[in-house]
């Protein structure tokens, strides 16, 4: 499990991105790159990290299921994810 502070920091970054999204698109359309530099660093969407919804892990993230590979495997083996079955041949 990731530290609570890392998870909270990422949520704060996501809120900041949402707050400045309109202004960023407007400044980009105008080509005002000096104005873009005046915005906070966390206003950039690239600073938000994909994290597992269950554990907060950032590596091995599966976008389709919004969780890490480890959590995905545990839940799929338990039958908690609908439509996912373990393959065998």
PDB file of N, CA and C in Angstrom:
ATOM      1  N   UNK A   1       0.850  -1.187   0.000  1.00  0.00           N
ATOM      2  CA  UNK A   1       0.000   0.000   0.000  1.00  0.00           C
ATOM      3  C   UNK A   1       0.884   1.235   0.000  1.00  0.00           C
ATOM      4  N   UNK A   2       0.555   2.180  -0.847  1.00  0.00           N
ATOM      5  CA  UNK A   2       1.303   3.421  -0.922  1.00  0.00           C
ATOM      6  C   UNK A   2       1.021   4.277   0.309  1.00  0.00           C
ATOM      7  N   UNK A   3       1.957   5.182   0.587  1.00  0.00           N
ATOM      8  CA  UNK A   3       1.758   6.082   1.720  1.00  0.00           C
ATOM      9  C   UNK A   3       0.555   6.981   1.465  1.00  0.00           C
ATOM     10  N   UNK A   4      -0.155   7.274   2.518  1.00  0.00           N
ATOM     11  CA  UNK A   4      -1.350   8.126   2.398  1.00  0.00           C
ATOM     12  C   UNK A   4      -0.997   9.504   1.859  1.00  0.00           C
ATOM     13  N   UNK A   5       0.195   9.988   2.217  1.00  0.00           N
ATOM     14  CA  UNK A   5       0.600  11.326   1.769  1.00  0.00           C
ATOM     15  C   UNK A   5       0.803  11.368   0.259  1.00  0.00           C
ATOM     16  N   UNK A   6       1.316  10.277  -0.332  1.00  0.00           N
ATOM     17  CA  UNK A   6       1.505  10.230  -1.791  1.00  0.00           C
ATOM     18  C   UNK A   6       0.160  10.218  -2.505  1.00  0.00           C
ATOM     19  N   UNK A   7      -0.771   9.456  -1.958  1.00  0.00           N
ATOM     20  CA  UNK A   7      -2.111   9.375  -2.554  1.00  0.00           C
ATOM     21  C   UNK A   7      -2.809  10.726  -2.456  1.00  0.00           C
ATOM     22  N   UNK A   8      -2.695  11.366  -1.303  1.00  0.00           N
ATOM     23  CA  UNK A   8      -3.324  12.678  -1.103  1.00  0.00           C
ATOM     24  C   UNK A   8      -2.696  13.725  -2.015  1.00  0.00           C
ATOM     25  N   UNK A   9      -1.386  13.667  -2.183  1.00  0.00           N
ATOM     26  CA  UNK A   9      -0.691  14.615  -3.050  1.00  0.00           C
ATOM     27  C   UNK A   9      -1.161  14.473  -4.494  1.00  0.00           C
ATOM     28  N   UNK A  10      -1.354  13.241  -4.936  1.00  0.00           N
ATOM     29  CA  UNK A  10      -1.807  13.008  -6.296  1.00  0.00           C
ATOM     30  C   UNK A  10      -3.231  13.516  -6.498  1.00  0.00           C
ATOM     31  N   UNK A  11      -4.080  13.358  -5.484  1.00  0.00           N
ATOM     32  CA  UNK A  11      -5.455  13.868  -5.568  1.00  0.00           C
ATOM     33  C   UNK A  11      -5.459  15.393  -5.628  1.00  0.00           C
ATOM     34  N   UNK A  12      -4.556  16.015  -4.866  1.00  0.00           N
ATOM     35  CA  UNK A  12      -4.439  17.473  -4.885  1.00  0.00           C
ATOM     36  C   UNK A  12      -4.006  17.950  -6.271  1.00  0.00           C
ATOM     37  N   UNK A  13      -3.070  17.229  -6.870  1.00  0.00           N
ATOM     38  CA  UNK A  13      -2.616  17.578  -8.225  1.00  0.00           C
ATOM     39  C   UNK A  13      -3.759  17.467  -9.221  1.00  0.00           C
ATOM     40  N   UNK A  14      -4.571  16.425  -9.094  1.00  0.00           N
ATOM     41  CA  UNK A  14      -5.707  16.235  -9.995  1.00  0.00           C
ATOM     42  C   UNK A  14      -6.710  17.380  -9.857  1.00  0.00           C
ATOM     43  N   UNK A  15      -6.935  17.834  -8.630  1.00  0.00           N
ATOM     44  CA  UNK A  15      -7.842  18.978  -8.421  1.00  0.00           C
ATOM     45  C   UNK A  15      -7.284  20.243  -9.058  1.00  0.00           C
ATOM     46  N   UNK A  16      -5.963  20.452  -8.943  1.00  0.00           N
ATOM     47  CA  UNK A  16      -5.328  21.634  -9.517  1.00  0.00           C
ATOM     48  C   UNK A  16      -5.417  21.602 -11.036  1.00  0.00           C
ATOM     49  N   UNK A  17      -5.230  20.427 -11.626  1.00  0.00           N
ATOM     50  CA  UNK A  17      -5.337  20.292 -13.082  1.00  0.00           C
ATOM     51  C   UNK A  17      -6.743  20.667 -13.533  1.00  0.00           C
ATOM     52  N   UNK A  18      -7.755  20.162 -12.831  1.00  0.00           N
ATOM     53  CA  UNK A  18      -9.141  20.459 -13.183  1.00  0.00           C
ATOM     54  C   UNK A  18      -9.442  21.949 -13.033  1.00  0.00           C
ATOM     55  N   UNK A  19      -8.871  22.574 -12.025  1.00  0.00           N
ATOM     56  CA  UNK A  19      -9.119  23.985 -11.754  1.00  0.00           C
ATOM     57  C   UNK A  19      -8.587  24.874 -12.883  1.00  0.00           C
ATOM     58  N   UNK A  20      -7.388  24.540 -13.397  1.00  0.00           N
ATOM     59  CA  UNK A  20      -6.744  25.384 -14.397  1.00  0.00           C
ATOM     60  C   UNK A  20      -6.911  24.882 -15.829  1.00  0.00           C
ATOM     61  N   UNK A  21      -7.738  23.869 -16.060  1.00  0.00           N
ATOM     62  CA  UNK A  21      -7.863  23.264 -17.387  1.00  0.00           C
ATOM     63  C   UNK A  21      -8.341  24.268 -18.439  1.00  0.00           C
ATOM     64  N   UNK A  22      -9.387  25.015 -18.127  1.00  0.00           N
ATOM     65  CA  UNK A  22      -9.921  25.990 -19.085  1.00  0.00           C
ATOM     66  C   UNK A  22      -8.898  27.062 -19.421  1.00  0.00           C
ATOM     67  N   UNK A  23      -8.257  27.585 -18.392  1.00  0.00           N
ATOM     68  CA  UNK A  23      -7.271  28.645 -18.579  1.00  0.00           C
ATOM     69  C   UNK A  23      -6.089  28.149 -19.399  1.00  0.00           C
ATOM     70  N   UNK A  24      -5.655  26.906 -19.147  1.00  0.00           N
ATOM     71  CA  UNK A  24      -4.533  26.333 -19.898  1.00  0.00           C
ATOM     72  C   UNK A  24      -4.867  26.209 -21.381  1.00  0.00           C
ATOM     73  N   UNK A  25      -6.068  25.719 -21.698  1.00  0.00           N
ATOM     74  CA  UNK A  25      -6.450  25.569 -23.099  1.00  0.00           C
ATOM     75  C   UNK A  25      -6.546  26.926 -23.785  1.00  0.00           C
ATOM     76  N   UNK A  26      -7.046  27.926 -23.056  1.00  0.00           N
ATOM     77  CA  UNK A  26      -7.150  29.277 -23.617  1.00  0.00           C
ATOM     78  C   UNK A  26      -5.765  29.854 -23.907  1.00  0.00           C
ATOM     79  N   UNK A  27      -4.857  29.719 -22.946  1.00  0.00           N
ATOM     80  CA  UNK A  27      -3.502  30.237 -23.130  1.00  0.00           C
ATOM     81  C   UNK A  27      -2.761  29.515 -24.254  1.00  0.00           C
ATOM     82  N   UNK A  28      -2.972  28.214 -24.364  1.00  0.00           N
ATOM     83  CA  UNK A  28      -2.327  27.445 -25.434  1.00  0.00           C
ATOM     84  C   UNK A  28      -2.855  27.865 -26.797  1.00  0.00           C
ATOM     85  N   UNK A  29      -4.180  28.098 -26.883  1.00  0.00           N
ATOM     86  CA  UNK A  29      -4.780  28.509 -28.151  1.00  0.00           C
ATOM     87  C   UNK A  29      -4.242  29.867 -28.594  1.00  0.00           C
ATOM     88  N   UNK A  30      -4.010  30.755 -27.638  1.00  0.00           N
ATOM     89  CA  UNK A  30      -3.477  32.082 -27.953  1.00  0.00           C
ATOM     90  C   UNK A  30      -1.976  32.050 -28.218  1.00  0.00           C
ATOM     91  N   UNK A  31      -1.327  30.975 -27.787  1.00  0.00           N
ATOM     92  CA  UNK A  31       0.135  30.892 -27.938  1.00  0.00           C
ATOM     93  C   UNK A  31       0.879  31.680 -26.878  1.00  0.00           C
ATOM     94  N   UNK A  32       0.206  31.952 -25.770  1.00  0.00           N
ATOM     95  CA  UNK A  32       0.808  32.725 -24.675  1.00  0.00           C
ATOM     96  C   UNK A  32       1.580  31.785 -23.744  1.00  0.00           C
ATOM     97  N   UNK A  33       2.805  31.457 -24.145  1.00  0.00           N
ATOM     98  CA  UNK A  33       3.593  30.513 -23.364  1.00  0.00           C
ATOM     99  C   UNK A  33       4.166  31.158 -22.113  1.00  0.00           C
ATOM    100  N   UNK A  34       4.281  32.451 -22.121  1.00  0.00           N
ATOM    101  CA  UNK A  34       4.730  33.147 -20.910  1.00  0.00           C
ATOM    102  C   UNK A  34       3.653  33.070 -19.834  1.00  0.00           C
ATOM    103  N   UNK A  35       2.407  33.177 -20.259  1.00  0.00           N
ATOM    104  CA  UNK A  35       1.293  33.039 -19.329  1.00  0.00           C
ATOM    105  C   UNK A  35       1.199  31.627 -18.769  1.00  0.00           C
ATOM    106  N   UNK A  36       1.531  30.645 -19.603  1.00  0.00           N
ATOM    107  CA  UNK A  36       1.516  29.255 -19.138  1.00  0.00           C
ATOM    108  C   UNK A  36       2.562  29.018 -18.063  1.00  0.00           C
ATOM    109  N   UNK A  37       3.705  29.700 -18.181  1.00  0.00           N
ATOM    110  CA  UNK A  37       4.755  29.516 -17.176  1.00  0.00           C
ATOM    111  C   UNK A  37       4.371  30.141 -15.838  1.00  0.00           C
ATOM    112  N   UNK A  38       3.430  31.067 -15.857  1.00  0.00           N
ATOM    113  CA  UNK A  38       2.988  31.713 -14.624  1.00  0.00           C
ATOM    114  C   UNK A  38       2.043  30.814 -13.810  1.00  0.00           C
ATOM    115  N   UNK A  39       1.461  29.812 -14.470  1.00  0.00           N
ATOM    116  CA  UNK A  39       0.563  28.892 -13.762  1.00  0.00           C
ATOM    117  C   UNK A  39       1.369  27.989 -12.825  1.00  0.00           C
ATOM    118  N   UNK A  40       0.722  27.429 -11.816  1.00  0.00           N
ATOM    119  CA  UNK A  40       1.436  26.500 -10.920  1.00  0.00           C
ATOM    120  C   UNK A  40       1.902  25.260 -11.681  1.00  0.00           C
ATOM    121  N   UNK A  41       2.980  24.666 -11.215  1.00  0.00           N
ATOM    122  CA  UNK A  41       3.510  23.466 -11.871  1.00  0.00           C
ATOM    123  C   UNK A  41       2.502  22.332 -11.873  1.00  0.00           C
ATOM    124  N   UNK A  42       1.771  22.194 -10.788  1.00  0.00           N
ATOM    125  CA  UNK A  42       0.820  21.101 -10.682  1.00  0.00           C
ATOM    126  C   UNK A  42      -0.410  21.282 -11.563  1.00  0.00           C
ATOM    127  N   UNK A  43      -0.497  22.383 -12.299  1.00  0.00           N
ATOM    128  CA  UNK A  43      -1.610  22.600 -13.213  1.00  0.00           C
ATOM    129  C   UNK A  43      -1.420  21.805 -14.499  1.00  0.00           C
ATOM    130  N   UNK A  44      -0.234  21.256 -14.706  1.00  0.00           N
ATOM    131  CA  UNK A  44       0.044  20.464 -15.898  1.00  0.00           C
ATOM    132  C   UNK A  44      -0.486  19.045 -15.712  1.00  0.00           C
ATOM    133  N   UNK A  45      -1.248  18.528 -16.685  1.00  0.00           N
ATOM    134  CA  UNK A  45      -1.821  17.183 -16.528  1.00  0.00           C
ATOM    135  C   UNK A  45      -0.772  16.067 -16.490  1.00  0.00           C
ATOM    136  N   UNK A  46       0.419  16.320 -16.980  1.00  0.00           N
ATOM    137  CA  UNK A  46       1.439  15.272 -16.973  1.00  0.00           C
ATOM    138  C   UNK A  46       1.976  14.999 -15.579  1.00  0.00           C
ATOM    139  N   UNK A  47       1.687  15.850 -14.635  1.00  0.00           N
ATOM    140  CA  UNK A  47       2.182  15.653 -13.262  1.00  0.00           C
ATOM    141  C   UNK A  47       1.284  14.734 -12.442  1.00  0.00           C
ATOM    142  N   UNK A  48       0.098  14.440 -12.968  1.00  0.00           N
ATOM    143  CA  UNK A  48      -0.804  13.515 -12.282  1.00  0.00           C
ATOM    144  C   UNK A  48      -0.406  12.093 -12.670  1.00  0.00           C
ATOM    145  N   UNK A  49      -0.318  11.218 -11.679  1.00  0.00           N
ATOM    146  CA  UNK A  49       0.133   9.846 -11.885  1.00  0.00           C
ATOM    147  C   UNK A  49      -1.057   8.910 -11.788  1.00  0.00           C
ATOM    148  N   UNK A  50      -1.110   7.907 -12.675  1.00  0.00           N
ATOM    149  CA  UNK A  50      -2.141   6.877 -12.568  1.00  0.00           C
ATOM    150  C   UNK A  50      -1.817   5.997 -11.378  1.00  0.00           C
ATOM    151  N   UNK A  51      -2.765   5.871 -10.457  1.00  0.00           N
ATOM    152  CA  UNK A  51      -2.555   5.045  -9.274  1.00  0.00           C
ATOM    153  C   UNK A  51      -3.692   4.043  -9.122  1.00  0.00           C
ATOM    154  N   UNK A  52      -3.367   2.916  -8.525  1.00  0.00           N
ATOM    155  CA  UNK A  52      -4.350   1.864  -8.269  1.00  0.00           C
ATOM    156  C   UNK A  52      -5.433   2.407  -7.332  1.00  0.00           C
ATOM    157  N   UNK A  53      -6.682   2.113  -7.663  1.00  0.00           N
ATOM    158  CA  UNK A  53      -7.800   2.581  -6.841  1.00  0.00           C
ATOM    159  C   UNK A  53      -7.821   1.903  -5.471  1.00  0.00           C
ATOM    160  N   UNK A  54      -7.291   0.698  -5.398  1.00  0.00           N
ATOM    161  CA  UNK A  54      -7.363  -0.072  -4.167  1.00  0.00           C
ATOM    162  C   UNK A  54      -6.156   0.194  -3.274  1.00  0.00           C
ATOM    163  N   UNK A  55      -4.957   0.060  -3.829  1.00  0.00           N
ATOM    164  CA  UNK A  55      -3.741   0.138  -3.012  1.00  0.00           C
ATOM    165  C   UNK A  55      -2.975   1.438  -3.160  1.00  0.00           C
ATOM    166  N   UNK A  56      -3.158   2.158  -4.262  1.00  0.00           N
ATOM    167  CA  UNK A  56      -2.412   3.388  -4.485  1.00  0.00           C
ATOM    168  C   UNK A  56      -1.085   3.170  -5.185  1.00  0.00           C
ATOM    169  N   UNK A  57      -0.801   1.927  -5.581  1.00  0.00           N
ATOM    170  CA  UNK A  57       0.456   1.612  -6.270  1.00  0.00           C
ATOM    171  C   UNK A  57       0.475   2.288  -7.636  1.00  0.00           C
ATOM    172  N   UNK A  58       1.638   2.828  -8.046  1.00  0.00           N
ATOM    173  CA  UNK A  58       1.711   3.537  -9.308  1.00  0.00           C
ATOM    174  C   UNK A  58       2.335   2.712 -10.419  1.00  0.00           C
ATOM    175  N   UNK A  59       3.094   1.687 -10.082  1.00  0.00           N
ATOM    176  CA  UNK A  59       3.721   0.857 -11.114  1.00  0.00           C
ATOM    177  C   UNK A  59       2.837  -0.336 -11.443  1.00  0.00           C
ATOM    178  N   UNK A  60       2.933  -0.797 -12.666  1.00  0.00           N
ATOM    179  CA  UNK A  60       2.134  -1.945 -13.083  1.00  0.00           C
ATOM    180  C   UNK A  60       0.661  -1.622 -13.124  1.00  0.00           C
ATOM    181  N   UNK A  61       0.313  -0.422 -13.586  1.00  0.00           N
ATOM    182  CA  UNK A  61      -1.068   0.062 -13.590  1.00  0.00           C
ATOM    183  C   UNK A  61      -1.775  -0.384 -14.863  1.00  0.00           C
ATOM    184  N   UNK A  62      -2.970  -0.959 -14.729  1.00  0.00           N
ATOM    185  CA  UNK A  62      -3.785  -1.356 -15.869  1.00  0.00           C
ATOM    186  C   UNK A  62      -4.896  -0.335 -16.046  1.00  0.00           C
ATOM    187  N   UNK A  63      -4.845   0.423 -17.122  1.00  0.00           N
ATOM    188  CA  UNK A  63      -5.812   1.507 -17.332  1.00  0.00           C
ATOM    189  C   UNK A  63      -7.248   1.012 -17.408  1.00  0.00           C
ATOM    190  N   UNK A  64      -7.443  -0.090 -18.108  1.00  0.00           N
ATOM    191  CA  UNK A  64      -8.800  -0.590 -18.321  1.00  0.00           C
ATOM    192  C   UNK A  64      -9.524  -0.885 -17.002  1.00  0.00           C
ATOM    193  N   UNK A  65      -8.779  -1.372 -16.014  1.00  0.00           N
ATOM    194  CA  UNK A  65      -9.386  -1.743 -14.739  1.00  0.00           C
ATOM    195  C   UNK A  65      -9.073  -0.762 -13.623  1.00  0.00           C
ATOM    196  N   UNK A  66      -8.223   0.222 -13.892  1.00  0.00           N
ATOM    197  CA  UNK A  66      -7.837   1.262 -12.950  1.00  0.00           C
ATOM    198  C   UNK A  66      -7.257   0.681 -11.655  1.00  0.00           C
ATOM    199  N   UNK A  67      -6.433  -0.363 -11.803  1.00  0.00           N
ATOM    200  CA  UNK A  67      -5.776  -0.965 -10.642  1.00  0.00           C
ATOM    201  C   UNK A  67      -4.441  -1.558 -11.060  1.00  0.00           C
ATOM    202  N   UNK A  68      -3.628  -1.870 -10.065  1.00  0.00           N
ATOM    203  CA  UNK A  68      -2.318  -2.437 -10.349  1.00  0.00           C
ATOM    204  C   UNK A  68      -2.454  -3.901 -10.742  1.00  0.00           C
ATOM    205  N   UNK A  69      -1.404  -4.430 -11.345  1.00  0.00           N
ATOM    206  CA  UNK A  69      -1.417  -5.815 -11.820  1.00  0.00           C
ATOM    207  C   UNK A  69      -1.590  -6.803 -10.672  1.00  0.00           C
ATOM    208  N   UNK A  70      -1.027  -6.479  -9.518  1.00  0.00           N
ATOM    209  CA  UNK A  70      -1.098  -7.376  -8.371  1.00  0.00           C
ATOM    210  C   UNK A  70      -2.528  -7.449  -7.837  1.00  0.00           C
ATOM    211  N   UNK A  71      -3.134  -6.289  -7.660  1.00  0.00           N
ATOM    212  CA  UNK A  71      -4.518  -6.237  -7.182  1.00  0.00           C
ATOM    213  C   UNK A  71      -5.450  -6.887  -8.192  1.00  0.00           C
ATOM    214  N   UNK A  72      -5.183  -6.632  -9.476  1.00  0.00           N
ATOM    215  CA  UNK A  72      -6.010  -7.220 -10.533  1.00  0.00           C
ATOM    216  C   UNK A  72      -5.977  -8.740 -10.461  1.00  0.00           C
ATOM    217  N   UNK A  73      -4.783  -9.285 -10.302  1.00  0.00           N
ATOM    218  CA  UNK A  73      -4.655 -10.747 -10.265  1.00  0.00           C
ATOM    219  C   UNK A  73      -5.364 -11.345  -9.055  1.00  0.00           C
ATOM    220  N   UNK A  74      -5.208 -10.697  -7.910  1.00  0.00           N
ATOM    221  CA  UNK A  74      -5.876 -11.194  -6.697  1.00  0.00           C
ATOM    222  C   UNK A  74      -7.391 -11.168  -6.856  1.00  0.00           C
ATOM    223  N   UNK A  75      -7.913 -10.067  -7.363  1.00  0.00           N
ATOM    224  CA  UNK A  75      -9.361  -9.923  -7.500  1.00  0.00           C
ATOM    225  C   UNK A  75      -9.916 -10.841  -8.589  1.00  0.00           C
ATOM    226  N   UNK A  76      -9.165 -10.989  -9.684  1.00  0.00           N
ATOM    227  CA  UNK A  76      -9.618 -11.869 -10.769  1.00  0.00           C
ATOM    228  C   UNK A  76      -9.640 -13.325 -10.308  1.00  0.00           C
ATOM    229  N   UNK A  77      -8.644 -13.725  -9.542  1.00  0.00           N
ATOM    230  CA  UNK A  77      -8.596 -15.097  -9.035  1.00  0.00           C
ATOM    231  C   UNK A  77      -9.738 -15.367  -8.054  1.00  0.00           C
ATOM    232  N   UNK A  78     -10.135 -14.337  -7.321  1.00  0.00           N
ATOM    233  CA  UNK A  78     -11.242 -14.477  -6.371  1.00  0.00           C
ATOM    234  C   UNK A  78     -12.599 -14.388  -7.050  1.00  0.00           C
ATOM    235  N   UNK A  79     -12.607 -13.984  -8.330  1.00  0.00           N
ATOM    236  CA  UNK A  79     -13.862 -13.859  -9.066  1.00  0.00           C
ATOM    237  C   UNK A  79     -14.587 -12.560  -8.786  1.00  0.00           C
ATOM    238  N   UNK A  80     -13.863 -11.538  -8.358  1.00  0.00           N
ATOM    239  CA  UNK A  80     -14.488 -10.264  -8.019  1.00  0.00           C
ATOM    240  C   UNK A  80     -14.612  -9.307  -9.209  1.00  0.00           C
ATOM    241  N   UNK A  81     -13.960  -9.638 -10.332  1.00  0.00           N
ATOM    242  CA  UNK A  81     -14.048  -8.788 -11.520  1.00  0.00           C
ATOM    243  C   UNK A  81     -14.915  -9.513 -12.548  1.00  0.00           C
ATOM    244  N   UNK A  82     -16.088  -8.967 -12.876  1.00  0.00           N
ATOM    245  CA  UNK A  82     -16.989  -9.646 -13.806  1.00  0.00           C
ATOM    246  C   UNK A  82     -16.386  -9.729 -15.208  1.00  0.00           C
ATOM    247  N   UNK A  83     -16.543 -10.871 -15.830  1.00  0.00           N
ATOM    248  CA  UNK A  83     -16.089 -11.063 -17.204  1.00  0.00           C
ATOM    249  C   UNK A  83     -14.636 -11.463 -17.339  1.00  0.00           C
ATOM    250  N   UNK A  84     -13.912 -11.570 -16.245  1.00  0.00           N
ATOM    251  CA  UNK A  84     -12.499 -11.931 -16.297  1.00  0.00           C
ATOM    252  C   UNK A  84     -12.353 -13.341 -15.746  1.00  0.00           C
ATOM    253  N   UNK A  85     -11.754 -14.210 -16.571  1.00  0.00           N
ATOM    254  CA  UNK A  85     -11.500 -15.576 -16.128  1.00  0.00           C
ATOM    255  C   UNK A  85     -10.045 -15.922 -16.374  1.00  0.00           C
ATOM    256  N   UNK A  86      -9.534 -16.832 -15.604  1.00  0.00           N
ATOM    257  CA  UNK A  86      -8.159 -17.271 -15.775  1.00  0.00           C
ATOM    258  C   UNK A  86      -8.102 -18.185 -16.991  1.00  0.00           C
ATOM    259  N   UNK A  87      -7.179 -17.898 -17.899  1.00  0.00           N
ATOM    260  CA  UNK A  87      -7.093 -18.720 -19.103  1.00  0.00           C
ATOM    261  C   UNK A  87      -6.277 -19.972 -18.833  1.00  0.00           C
ATOM    262  N   UNK A  88      -6.616 -21.034 -19.541  1.00  0.00           N
ATOM    263  CA  UNK A  88      -5.842 -22.269 -19.462  1.00  0.00           C
ATOM    264  C   UNK A  88      -5.935 -22.972 -20.809  1.00  0.00           C
ATOM    265  N   UNK A  89      -4.853 -23.600 -21.193  1.00  0.00           N
ATOM    266  CA  UNK A  89      -4.850 -24.311 -22.477  1.00  0.00           C
ATOM    267  C   UNK A  89      -4.017 -25.547 -22.423  1.00  0.00           C
TER     268      UNK A  89
END
